[in-house]
Amino acid sequence: MASLRSPIEGGVTVTEFRLKRIYAEAEPGDGYRVLVDRLWPRGVSKQKAQLDEWCKDAAPSPELRTWFGHQHERFAEFAERYRSEMMRSPARDLFIELLGRAVHGRVTLVYASHDEEQNNAVVLKAELDAALGNGAVWLAMKGKHPADEIAA
């Protein structure tokens, strides 16, 4: 298991975020399982999903999701727009919460998309990993978003 160290305040060990399709079997090594889609996946019972949390508001807005429509040529712009949405509440608050969860162990971001390379969970994970690499876990523990400190 790879771990990252926060370069701030002596460093705290943080385990990585992982991605997993909801249709794959849940495993004990998944750690804290969070569904990061706005819509519940078809054909999956809550029991089978074995989720710890469903963060609907961490997902892209319905308008952005509809606009993207899983068209590969739109992914770069989708990712940019989604990052912008993550800066606003309630997505912003859930971003901070997910960073804080990483202090306690592995967090698996669960999603339904058939495309494993171009979806909202991939963008969210990249942003969370980047924030961890910049020591943002300490900010999250204080209830702050990393962008607040950059802007200050």
N, C-alpha and C. Protein backbone atom coordinates (compact mmCIF):
# COMPACT_ATOMS: atom_id res chain seq x y z
N MET A 1 0.85 -1.17 0.00
CA MET A 1 0.00 0.00 0.00
C MET A 1 0.89 1.24 0.00
N ALA A 2 0.69 2.06 -0.99
CA ALA A 2 1.45 3.30 -1.07
C ALA A 2 0.89 4.29 -0.07
N SER A 3 1.77 5.08 0.51
CA SER A 3 1.27 6.13 1.39
C SER A 3 2.00 7.43 1.05
N LEU A 4 1.36 8.51 1.37
CA LEU A 4 1.92 9.82 1.14
C LEU A 4 2.15 10.47 2.48
N ARG A 5 3.14 11.34 2.56
CA ARG A 5 3.37 12.07 3.79
C ARG A 5 3.10 13.54 3.54
N SER A 6 2.38 14.12 4.44
CA SER A 6 2.13 15.54 4.36
C SER A 6 3.42 16.27 4.73
N PRO A 7 3.84 17.25 3.93
CA PRO A 7 5.07 17.97 4.25
C PRO A 7 4.89 19.03 5.32
N ILE A 8 3.68 19.16 5.84
CA ILE A 8 3.40 20.21 6.82
C ILE A 8 3.29 19.61 8.22
N GLU A 9 3.72 20.34 9.21
CA GLU A 9 3.53 20.02 10.62
C GLU A 9 3.97 18.60 10.98
N GLY A 10 5.14 18.20 10.54
CA GLY A 10 5.68 16.91 10.96
C GLY A 10 5.22 15.73 10.14
N GLY A 11 4.26 15.90 9.29
CA GLY A 11 3.81 14.83 8.39
C GLY A 11 2.94 13.80 9.06
N VAL A 12 1.84 13.52 8.47
CA VAL A 12 0.94 12.49 8.93
C VAL A 12 0.85 11.47 7.81
N THR A 13 0.83 10.19 8.15
CA THR A 13 0.74 9.17 7.12
C THR A 13 -0.69 9.11 6.59
N VAL A 14 -0.79 9.14 5.29
CA VAL A 14 -2.09 9.15 4.64
C VAL A 14 -2.07 8.05 3.58
N THR A 15 -3.07 7.20 3.58
CA THR A 15 -3.14 6.18 2.54
C THR A 15 -3.81 6.75 1.31
N GLU A 16 -3.65 6.05 0.22
CA GLU A 16 -4.12 6.59 -1.05
C GLU A 16 -5.63 6.47 -1.24
N PHE A 17 -6.09 7.24 -2.21
CA PHE A 17 -7.44 7.11 -2.71
C PHE A 17 -7.39 6.10 -3.83
N ARG A 18 -8.41 5.27 -3.94
CA ARG A 18 -8.52 4.29 -5.01
C ARG A 18 -9.82 4.49 -5.75
N LEU A 19 -9.85 3.98 -6.97
CA LEU A 19 -11.06 3.99 -7.79
C LEU A 19 -11.54 2.57 -7.99
N LYS A 20 -12.87 2.40 -8.02
CA LYS A 20 -13.43 1.07 -8.25
C LYS A 20 -14.84 1.21 -8.81
N ARG A 21 -15.13 0.42 -9.81
CA ARG A 21 -16.50 0.39 -10.35
C ARG A 21 -17.42 -0.26 -9.34
N ILE A 22 -18.63 0.22 -9.27
CA ILE A 22 -19.61 -0.31 -8.32
C ILE A 22 -19.96 -1.75 -8.64
N TYR A 23 -19.77 -2.16 -9.89
CA TYR A 23 -20.12 -3.52 -10.31
C TYR A 23 -19.05 -4.54 -9.93
N ALA A 24 -17.89 -4.08 -9.49
CA ALA A 24 -16.84 -4.97 -9.00
C ALA A 24 -17.15 -5.33 -7.55
N GLU A 25 -16.75 -6.50 -7.13
CA GLU A 25 -17.02 -6.96 -5.77
C GLU A 25 -16.32 -6.06 -4.74
N ALA A 26 -17.02 -5.76 -3.68
CA ALA A 26 -16.41 -5.04 -2.56
C ALA A 26 -15.44 -5.98 -1.86
N GLU A 27 -14.33 -5.42 -1.40
CA GLU A 27 -13.31 -6.20 -0.70
C GLU A 27 -12.92 -5.49 0.58
N PRO A 28 -12.48 -6.25 1.58
CA PRO A 28 -12.06 -5.61 2.84
C PRO A 28 -10.97 -4.56 2.64
N GLY A 29 -10.10 -4.75 1.65
CA GLY A 29 -9.02 -3.81 1.39
C GLY A 29 -9.47 -2.50 0.78
N ASP A 30 -10.76 -2.41 0.44
CA ASP A 30 -11.27 -1.16 -0.13
C ASP A 30 -11.27 -0.03 0.90
N GLY A 31 -11.30 -0.37 2.16
CA GLY A 31 -11.38 0.66 3.18
C GLY A 31 -12.74 1.33 3.17
N TYR A 32 -12.76 2.65 3.30
CA TYR A 32 -13.98 3.43 3.33
C TYR A 32 -14.49 3.59 1.91
N ARG A 33 -15.65 3.04 1.60
CA ARG A 33 -16.21 3.05 0.24
C ARG A 33 -17.23 4.17 0.09
N VAL A 34 -16.98 5.04 -0.91
CA VAL A 34 -17.83 6.20 -1.13
C VAL A 34 -18.30 6.23 -2.58
N LEU A 35 -19.60 6.20 -2.78
CA LEU A 35 -20.16 6.36 -4.12
C LEU A 35 -20.11 7.85 -4.45
N VAL A 36 -19.49 8.19 -5.58
CA VAL A 36 -19.32 9.59 -5.96
C VAL A 36 -20.10 9.95 -7.22
N ASP A 37 -21.20 9.24 -7.46
CA ASP A 37 -22.10 9.52 -8.57
C ASP A 37 -23.38 10.15 -8.01
N ARG A 38 -24.00 10.99 -8.80
CA ARG A 38 -25.24 11.64 -8.37
C ARG A 38 -26.44 10.69 -8.44
N LEU A 39 -26.41 9.78 -9.42
CA LEU A 39 -27.51 8.84 -9.61
C LEU A 39 -27.12 7.47 -9.07
N TRP A 40 -28.09 6.76 -8.50
CA TRP A 40 -27.82 5.41 -8.01
C TRP A 40 -27.63 4.49 -9.22
N PRO A 41 -26.60 3.64 -9.21
CA PRO A 41 -26.33 2.74 -10.34
C PRO A 41 -27.42 1.70 -10.54
N ARG A 42 -27.74 1.45 -11.78
CA ARG A 42 -28.78 0.47 -12.13
C ARG A 42 -28.36 -0.93 -11.73
N GLY A 43 -29.33 -1.66 -11.22
CA GLY A 43 -29.12 -3.08 -10.95
C GLY A 43 -28.26 -3.41 -9.75
N VAL A 44 -27.96 -2.43 -8.91
CA VAL A 44 -27.11 -2.67 -7.74
C VAL A 44 -27.91 -2.37 -6.48
N SER A 45 -28.04 -3.36 -5.61
CA SER A 45 -28.73 -3.13 -4.35
C SER A 45 -27.80 -2.42 -3.37
N LYS A 46 -28.38 -1.76 -2.42
CA LYS A 46 -27.55 -1.10 -1.39
C LYS A 46 -26.74 -2.13 -0.62
N GLN A 47 -27.32 -3.31 -0.43
CA GLN A 47 -26.60 -4.36 0.29
C GLN A 47 -25.38 -4.82 -0.51
N LYS A 48 -25.54 -5.03 -1.80
CA LYS A 48 -24.42 -5.48 -2.63
C LYS A 48 -23.35 -4.39 -2.76
N ALA A 49 -23.76 -3.14 -2.79
CA ALA A 49 -22.82 -2.04 -2.95
C ALA A 49 -21.86 -1.91 -1.77
N GLN A 50 -22.32 -2.25 -0.59
CA GLN A 50 -21.51 -2.18 0.63
C GLN A 50 -20.78 -0.84 0.76
N LEU A 51 -21.56 0.22 0.69
CA LEU A 51 -21.00 1.57 0.77
C LEU A 51 -21.01 2.07 2.21
N ASP A 52 -20.05 2.91 2.50
CA ASP A 52 -20.04 3.61 3.78
C ASP A 52 -20.73 4.96 3.66
N GLU A 53 -20.76 5.49 2.43
CA GLU A 53 -21.34 6.82 2.22
C GLU A 53 -21.68 7.00 0.75
N TRP A 54 -22.68 7.79 0.48
CA TRP A 54 -23.04 8.18 -0.88
C TRP A 54 -22.93 9.70 -0.94
N CYS A 55 -21.93 10.19 -1.62
CA CYS A 55 -21.69 11.63 -1.73
C CYS A 55 -22.23 12.15 -3.06
N LYS A 56 -23.54 12.26 -3.16
CA LYS A 56 -24.17 12.75 -4.39
C LYS A 56 -23.65 14.13 -4.77
N ASP A 57 -23.47 14.97 -3.77
CA ASP A 57 -23.09 16.35 -4.04
C ASP A 57 -21.62 16.51 -4.42
N ALA A 58 -20.84 15.43 -4.33
CA ALA A 58 -19.46 15.48 -4.80
C ALA A 58 -19.40 15.23 -6.31
N ALA A 59 -20.51 14.77 -6.88
CA ALA A 59 -20.59 14.47 -8.31
C ALA A 59 -20.82 15.76 -9.10
N PRO A 60 -20.57 15.72 -10.40
CA PRO A 60 -20.86 16.89 -11.23
C PRO A 60 -22.35 17.21 -11.21
N SER A 61 -22.66 18.46 -11.48
CA SER A 61 -24.07 18.88 -11.54
C SER A 61 -24.78 18.11 -12.65
N PRO A 62 -26.09 17.98 -12.54
CA PRO A 62 -26.84 17.30 -13.62
C PRO A 62 -26.61 17.97 -14.98
N GLU A 63 -26.52 19.29 -14.98
CA GLU A 63 -26.30 20.01 -16.25
C GLU A 63 -24.94 19.65 -16.86
N LEU A 64 -23.90 19.61 -16.04
CA LEU A 64 -22.57 19.28 -16.55
C LEU A 64 -22.51 17.82 -17.00
N ARG A 65 -23.10 16.94 -16.23
CA ARG A 65 -23.10 15.52 -16.58
C ARG A 65 -23.82 15.31 -17.92
N THR A 66 -24.95 15.98 -18.09
CA THR A 66 -25.71 15.86 -19.34
C THR A 66 -24.91 16.43 -20.51
N TRP A 67 -24.29 17.59 -20.30
CA TRP A 67 -23.50 18.21 -21.36
C TRP A 67 -22.36 17.29 -21.79
N PHE A 68 -21.65 16.70 -20.84
CA PHE A 68 -20.53 15.81 -21.15
C PHE A 68 -21.00 14.60 -21.94
N GLY A 69 -22.01 13.92 -21.47
CA GLY A 69 -22.58 12.77 -22.17
C GLY A 69 -21.56 11.70 -22.53
N HIS A 70 -20.47 11.61 -21.80
CA HIS A 70 -19.40 10.63 -22.04
C HIS A 70 -18.83 10.72 -23.45
N GLN A 71 -18.79 11.93 -23.99
CA GLN A 71 -18.17 12.16 -25.30
C GLN A 71 -16.70 12.46 -25.07
N HIS A 72 -15.84 11.55 -25.54
CA HIS A 72 -14.41 11.64 -25.27
C HIS A 72 -13.80 12.99 -25.62
N GLU A 73 -14.25 13.59 -26.70
CA GLU A 73 -13.68 14.87 -27.12
C GLU A 73 -14.02 16.00 -26.16
N ARG A 74 -14.97 15.80 -25.27
CA ARG A 74 -15.35 16.84 -24.30
C ARG A 74 -14.72 16.62 -22.93
N PHE A 75 -13.95 15.56 -22.75
CA PHE A 75 -13.49 15.23 -21.40
C PHE A 75 -12.61 16.32 -20.78
N ALA A 76 -11.68 16.88 -21.53
CA ALA A 76 -10.79 17.91 -20.96
C ALA A 76 -11.60 19.10 -20.44
N GLU A 77 -12.56 19.55 -21.22
CA GLU A 77 -13.40 20.67 -20.78
C GLU A 77 -14.31 20.25 -19.62
N PHE A 78 -14.83 19.02 -19.69
CA PHE A 78 -15.63 18.50 -18.58
C PHE A 78 -14.82 18.54 -17.29
N ALA A 79 -13.59 18.04 -17.34
CA ALA A 79 -12.74 18.00 -16.15
C ALA A 79 -12.51 19.40 -15.60
N GLU A 80 -12.28 20.36 -16.48
CA GLU A 80 -12.06 21.74 -16.04
C GLU A 80 -13.31 22.31 -15.38
N ARG A 81 -14.45 22.09 -15.99
CA ARG A 81 -15.72 22.59 -15.43
C ARG A 81 -16.03 21.90 -14.09
N TYR A 82 -15.75 20.62 -14.03
CA TYR A 82 -16.00 19.87 -12.79
C TYR A 82 -15.10 20.38 -11.67
N ARG A 83 -13.84 20.64 -11.98
CA ARG A 83 -12.93 21.21 -10.97
C ARG A 83 -13.49 22.52 -10.44
N SER A 84 -14.04 23.31 -11.32
CA SER A 84 -14.64 24.59 -10.91
C SER A 84 -15.83 24.35 -9.98
N GLU A 85 -16.66 23.36 -10.31
CA GLU A 85 -17.79 23.04 -9.44
C GLU A 85 -17.34 22.56 -8.06
N MET A 86 -16.21 21.88 -8.01
CA MET A 86 -15.69 21.37 -6.73
C MET A 86 -15.30 22.49 -5.78
N MET A 87 -15.12 23.67 -6.30
CA MET A 87 -14.71 24.81 -5.47
C MET A 87 -15.89 25.44 -4.74
N ARG A 88 -17.11 25.01 -5.08
CA ARG A 88 -18.31 25.58 -4.47
C ARG A 88 -18.98 24.55 -3.57
N SER A 89 -19.62 25.03 -2.52
CA SER A 89 -20.38 24.13 -1.64
C SER A 89 -21.61 23.67 -2.37
N PRO A 90 -22.08 22.49 -2.09
CA PRO A 90 -21.65 21.53 -1.08
C PRO A 90 -20.50 20.62 -1.51
N ALA A 91 -20.13 20.62 -2.80
CA ALA A 91 -19.04 19.76 -3.27
C ALA A 91 -17.74 20.08 -2.52
N ARG A 92 -17.51 21.34 -2.28
CA ARG A 92 -16.31 21.79 -1.58
C ARG A 92 -16.23 21.17 -0.18
N ASP A 93 -17.34 21.15 0.52
CA ASP A 93 -17.35 20.58 1.87
C ASP A 93 -17.08 19.08 1.85
N LEU A 94 -17.62 18.39 0.85
CA LEU A 94 -17.39 16.95 0.73
C LEU A 94 -15.95 16.66 0.33
N PHE A 95 -15.35 17.52 -0.47
CA PHE A 95 -13.94 17.39 -0.83
C PHE A 95 -13.08 17.43 0.43
N ILE A 96 -13.36 18.38 1.29
CA ILE A 96 -12.63 18.52 2.55
C ILE A 96 -12.85 17.28 3.42
N GLU A 97 -14.09 16.80 3.47
CA GLU A 97 -14.40 15.61 4.26
C GLU A 97 -13.64 14.39 3.75
N LEU A 98 -13.57 14.22 2.44
CA LEU A 98 -12.85 13.09 1.86
C LEU A 98 -11.36 13.17 2.17
N LEU A 99 -10.79 14.35 2.11
CA LEU A 99 -9.38 14.52 2.49
C LEU A 99 -9.15 14.10 3.94
N GLY A 100 -10.05 14.52 4.80
CA GLY A 100 -9.94 14.17 6.21
C GLY A 100 -10.07 12.67 6.45
N ARG A 101 -10.91 12.00 5.67
CA ARG A 101 -11.08 10.55 5.80
C ARG A 101 -9.79 9.80 5.49
N ALA A 102 -8.99 10.34 4.59
CA ALA A 102 -7.75 9.68 4.18
C ALA A 102 -6.75 9.52 5.33
N VAL A 103 -6.90 10.34 6.35
CA VAL A 103 -6.03 10.23 7.52
C VAL A 103 -6.27 8.91 8.25
N HIS A 104 -7.48 8.41 8.16
CA HIS A 104 -7.87 7.21 8.90
C HIS A 104 -7.69 5.93 8.11
N GLY A 105 -7.32 6.02 6.84
CA GLY A 105 -7.11 4.82 6.04
C GLY A 105 -7.54 5.01 4.61
N ARG A 106 -7.45 3.94 3.86
CA ARG A 106 -7.76 3.97 2.44
C ARG A 106 -9.21 4.39 2.20
N VAL A 107 -9.39 5.19 1.15
CA VAL A 107 -10.72 5.62 0.71
C VAL A 107 -10.87 5.17 -0.74
N THR A 108 -11.93 4.41 -1.01
CA THR A 108 -12.20 3.97 -2.37
C THR A 108 -13.37 4.77 -2.92
N LEU A 109 -13.10 5.46 -4.01
CA LEU A 109 -14.12 6.25 -4.70
C LEU A 109 -14.81 5.30 -5.68
N VAL A 110 -16.08 5.06 -5.45
CA VAL A 110 -16.85 4.09 -6.23
C VAL A 110 -17.69 4.84 -7.25
N TYR A 111 -17.72 4.31 -8.48
CA TYR A 111 -18.45 4.96 -9.56
C TYR A 111 -19.08 3.90 -10.46
N ALA A 112 -20.01 4.32 -11.32
CA ALA A 112 -20.73 3.37 -12.18
C ALA A 112 -20.30 3.41 -13.64
N SER A 113 -19.65 4.44 -14.07
CA SER A 113 -19.32 4.61 -15.48
C SER A 113 -18.62 3.39 -16.08
N HIS A 114 -18.97 3.09 -17.33
CA HIS A 114 -18.30 2.00 -18.04
C HIS A 114 -16.89 2.43 -18.45
N ASP A 115 -16.70 3.72 -18.67
CA ASP A 115 -15.40 4.25 -19.07
C ASP A 115 -14.54 4.45 -17.82
N GLU A 116 -13.50 3.66 -17.69
CA GLU A 116 -12.68 3.70 -16.49
C GLU A 116 -11.62 4.80 -16.52
N GLU A 117 -11.47 5.49 -17.64
CA GLU A 117 -10.44 6.52 -17.77
C GLU A 117 -10.99 7.94 -17.87
N GLN A 118 -12.23 8.08 -18.32
CA GLN A 118 -12.80 9.41 -18.49
C GLN A 118 -14.15 9.48 -17.79
N ASN A 119 -14.09 9.78 -16.50
CA ASN A 119 -15.31 9.92 -15.70
C ASN A 119 -15.04 10.86 -14.53
N ASN A 120 -16.09 11.22 -13.83
CA ASN A 120 -15.95 12.18 -12.73
C ASN A 120 -15.07 11.66 -11.59
N ALA A 121 -15.11 10.36 -11.33
CA ALA A 121 -14.30 9.81 -10.23
C ALA A 121 -12.81 9.97 -10.52
N VAL A 122 -12.41 9.84 -11.77
CA VAL A 122 -11.01 10.01 -12.16
C VAL A 122 -10.56 11.45 -11.86
N VAL A 123 -11.40 12.40 -12.20
CA VAL A 123 -11.08 13.82 -11.96
C VAL A 123 -11.03 14.10 -10.46
N LEU A 124 -12.01 13.60 -9.73
CA LEU A 124 -12.05 13.80 -8.29
C LEU A 124 -10.82 13.21 -7.62
N LYS A 125 -10.45 11.99 -7.99
CA LYS A 125 -9.27 11.34 -7.41
C LYS A 125 -8.00 12.14 -7.70
N ALA A 126 -7.86 12.63 -8.92
CA ALA A 126 -6.68 13.42 -9.27
C ALA A 126 -6.58 14.67 -8.41
N GLU A 127 -7.72 15.32 -8.17
CA GLU A 127 -7.73 16.52 -7.34
C GLU A 127 -7.41 16.18 -5.88
N LEU A 128 -7.97 15.10 -5.37
CA LEU A 128 -7.68 14.67 -3.99
C LEU A 128 -6.21 14.30 -3.84
N ASP A 129 -5.67 13.55 -4.80
CA ASP A 129 -4.25 13.16 -4.75
C ASP A 129 -3.36 14.39 -4.79
N ALA A 130 -3.69 15.34 -5.64
CA ALA A 130 -2.89 16.57 -5.73
C ALA A 130 -2.94 17.34 -4.42
N ALA A 131 -4.11 17.41 -3.83
CA ALA A 131 -4.25 18.12 -2.55
C ALA A 131 -3.45 17.44 -1.46
N LEU A 132 -3.48 16.11 -1.42
CA LEU A 132 -2.69 15.38 -0.42
C LEU A 132 -1.21 15.63 -0.62
N GLY A 133 -0.78 15.64 -1.87
CA GLY A 133 0.63 15.88 -2.17
C GLY A 133 1.09 17.26 -1.75
N ASN A 134 0.17 18.19 -1.61
CA ASN A 134 0.50 19.54 -1.19
C ASN A 134 0.25 19.76 0.30
N GLY A 135 0.06 18.68 1.03
CA GLY A 135 -0.13 18.79 2.47
C GLY A 135 -1.51 19.28 2.87
N ALA A 136 -2.46 19.21 1.98
CA ALA A 136 -3.79 19.74 2.25
C ALA A 136 -4.54 18.97 3.31
N VAL A 137 -4.06 17.78 3.67
CA VAL A 137 -4.76 17.02 4.70
C VAL A 137 -4.82 17.81 6.01
N TRP A 138 -3.80 18.57 6.27
CA TRP A 138 -3.80 19.38 7.50
C TRP A 138 -4.86 20.47 7.41
N LEU A 139 -5.02 21.05 6.24
CA LEU A 139 -6.07 22.05 6.07
C LEU A 139 -7.44 21.40 6.23
N ALA A 140 -7.60 20.21 5.65
CA ALA A 140 -8.87 19.50 5.75
C ALA A 140 -9.21 19.19 7.20
N MET A 141 -8.22 18.83 7.98
CA MET A 141 -8.44 18.52 9.38
C MET A 141 -8.90 19.77 10.13
N LYS A 142 -8.58 20.93 9.60
CA LYS A 142 -8.99 22.19 10.20
C LYS A 142 -10.26 22.73 9.54
N GLY A 143 -10.84 21.94 8.60
CA GLY A 143 -12.07 22.34 7.94
C GLY A 143 -11.89 23.38 6.86
N LYS A 144 -10.69 23.46 6.28
CA LYS A 144 -10.42 24.45 5.24
C LYS A 144 -10.19 23.75 3.91
N HIS A 145 -10.50 24.45 2.83
CA HIS A 145 -10.25 23.94 1.48
C HIS A 145 -8.86 24.43 1.07
N PRO A 146 -8.07 23.58 0.38
CA PRO A 146 -6.73 23.99 -0.03
C PRO A 146 -6.71 25.29 -0.84
N ALA A 147 -7.71 25.53 -1.66
CA ALA A 147 -7.75 26.75 -2.46
C ALA A 147 -7.85 28.00 -1.59
N ASP A 148 -8.42 27.91 -0.42
CA ASP A 148 -8.50 29.05 0.49
C ASP A 148 -7.11 29.54 0.86
N GLU A 149 -6.23 28.59 1.12
CA GLU A 149 -4.87 28.95 1.53
C GLU A 149 -4.06 29.50 0.38
N ILE A 150 -4.29 28.99 -0.82
CA ILE A 150 -3.58 29.47 -2.00
C ILE A 150 -3.99 30.91 -2.30
N ALA A 151 -5.28 31.19 -2.17
CA ALA A 151 -5.80 32.52 -2.46
C ALA A 151 -5.39 33.54 -1.41
N ALA A 152 -5.10 33.07 -0.19
CA ALA A 152 -4.79 34.00 0.91
C ALA A 152 -3.42 34.63 0.79
